[in-house]
Protein backbone atom coordinates (compact mmCIF):
# COMPACT_ATOMS: atom_id res chain seq x y z
CA MET A 1 72.65 53.73 -7.44
CA PRO A 2 68.94 53.21 -7.67
CA ARG A 3 66.95 53.02 -11.04
CA PHE A 4 63.72 54.87 -11.20
CA LEU A 5 60.24 54.64 -13.00
CA ALA A 6 58.13 58.03 -13.41
CA ASP A 7 54.43 57.01 -13.55
CA GLU A 8 52.32 58.18 -16.37
CA ASN A 9 51.09 61.68 -14.63
CA PHE A 10 54.37 62.46 -13.01
CA ASN A 11 55.69 65.84 -14.11
CA HIS A 12 57.78 65.38 -17.24
CA ASP A 13 59.67 68.83 -16.31
CA ILE A 14 61.04 67.11 -13.31
CA VAL A 15 62.25 64.18 -15.34
CA ARG A 16 63.96 66.29 -17.76
CA GLY A 17 65.36 68.47 -15.20
CA VAL A 18 67.11 65.54 -13.56
CA LEU A 19 68.25 63.97 -16.99
CA ARG A 20 69.96 67.45 -18.14
CA ARG A 21 71.91 67.16 -14.69
CA LYS A 22 72.60 63.71 -14.73
CA PRO A 23 72.23 62.35 -18.36
CA ASP A 24 73.17 58.84 -17.45
CA LEU A 25 70.77 58.45 -14.52
CA ASP A 26 68.51 55.34 -15.34
CA ILE A 27 64.89 57.00 -15.17
CA VAL A 28 62.38 55.76 -17.53
CA ARG A 29 58.64 56.90 -17.89
CA VAL A 30 55.75 54.72 -18.14
CA GLN A 31 55.25 55.88 -21.41
CA ASP A 32 58.67 54.80 -22.50
CA VAL A 33 58.27 51.21 -21.66
CA GLY A 34 55.03 50.69 -23.13
CA LEU A 35 52.85 50.81 -19.84
CA SER A 36 50.86 53.72 -20.81
CA ALA A 37 47.31 53.62 -19.25
CA ALA A 38 48.49 50.52 -17.08
CA ASN A 39 46.98 50.30 -13.63
CA ASP A 40 48.80 50.89 -10.55
CA PRO A 41 49.15 47.25 -9.56
CA THR A 42 50.54 46.55 -13.10
CA LEU A 43 53.16 49.45 -12.75
CA LEU A 44 54.22 48.25 -9.13
CA ALA A 45 54.76 44.74 -10.36
CA TRP A 46 56.63 45.73 -13.48
CA ALA A 47 58.99 48.24 -11.11
CA ALA A 48 59.46 45.33 -8.92
CA GLN A 49 60.58 42.88 -11.58
CA GLN A 50 62.92 45.64 -12.90
CA GLY A 51 64.09 46.84 -9.54
CA ARG A 52 62.85 50.33 -10.19
CA VAL A 53 62.11 52.92 -7.41
CA ILE A 54 58.63 54.61 -8.34
CA LEU A 55 58.24 58.39 -8.64
CA THR A 56 54.76 59.55 -8.47
CA HIS A 57 52.34 62.18 -7.75
CA ASP A 58 49.53 59.81 -6.94
CA VAL A 59 49.14 59.93 -3.11
CA THR A 60 45.73 58.07 -3.24
CA THR A 61 45.80 54.82 -5.15
CA MET A 62 49.60 54.19 -5.88
CA THR A 63 50.70 54.39 -2.38
CA ARG A 64 47.62 52.21 -1.42
CA TYR A 65 48.75 49.35 -3.68
CA ALA A 66 52.19 49.75 -2.58
CA TYR A 67 51.38 49.21 1.08
CA GLU A 68 49.43 46.17 -0.23
CA ARG A 69 52.35 44.66 -1.95
CA VAL A 70 54.57 45.23 1.23
CA GLU A 71 52.06 43.63 3.44
CA ALA A 72 51.52 40.65 1.12
CA GLY A 73 55.18 40.07 1.13
CA GLN A 74 55.63 40.99 -2.54
CA PRO A 75 58.80 42.85 -3.52
CA MET A 76 58.32 46.60 -3.90
CA PRO A 77 61.77 48.59 -4.67
CA GLY A 78 60.33 51.64 -3.09
CA LEU A 79 58.10 54.56 -3.92
CA PHE A 80 58.53 58.32 -3.54
CA GLU A 81 55.42 60.43 -3.56
CA VAL A 82 56.24 63.88 -4.64
CA SER A 83 53.67 66.48 -3.95
CA ARG A 84 52.47 68.64 -6.85
CA ALA A 85 52.90 71.71 -4.37
CA VAL A 86 56.86 71.03 -4.32
CA PRO A 87 58.58 73.45 -6.70
CA ILE A 88 60.29 71.75 -9.73
CA GLY A 89 63.62 72.64 -8.75
CA THR A 90 63.35 71.16 -5.31
CA ALA A 91 61.83 67.93 -6.54
CA ILE A 92 64.92 67.67 -9.01
CA GLU A 93 67.39 68.50 -6.08
CA ASP A 94 65.80 65.54 -4.22
CA ILE A 95 65.77 63.21 -6.80
CA MET A 96 69.31 64.09 -7.51
CA LEU A 97 70.16 63.27 -3.81
CA LEU A 98 68.54 60.10 -3.69
CA ALA A 99 70.29 59.10 -7.33
CA GLU A 100 73.83 60.11 -5.87
CA TYR A 101 73.36 58.84 -2.17
CA SER A 102 71.36 55.72 -2.22
CA LEU A 103 72.49 52.37 -2.53
CA GLU A 104 70.62 49.95 -4.93
CA GLY A 105 67.82 48.15 -2.82
CA GLU A 106 67.89 50.56 0.02
CA TRP A 107 64.43 51.63 -0.47
CA GLU A 108 62.98 48.07 -0.66
CA GLY A 109 59.61 48.05 0.79
CA GLN A 110 59.45 51.78 1.71
CA ILE A 111 57.15 54.54 0.77
CA ARG A 112 58.47 57.90 1.34
CA CYS A 113 57.55 61.63 0.54
CA LEU A 114 59.35 64.24 -1.26
CA PRO A 115 60.66 66.94 -0.43
CA LEU A 116 63.06 65.29 2.08
CA ARG A 117 63.30 68.23 4.28
């Protein structure tokens, strides 16, 4: 099962909704691990070190830095862009699917978008 890192601006209602449905899911927020206000390369490096897939709404800079890590051959456990237009319930469902049916390491080097449909 993958472990997740929700970036600083990720909708906390989504995180809370996921944890209500699956309290044992290993998902932390940037704020929980002392990385508030850290830049995107720092977050990506920390996530790689910890083996955490990033959840983000930042489709501009975060994805660019993630692609740069992949191109440089650096570890990048995965990144999921979640559009702010996606209903909260849909985002929760999709993250639950990822958590339940993904293998650890399955998203290495990949940048994907939610919703999955």
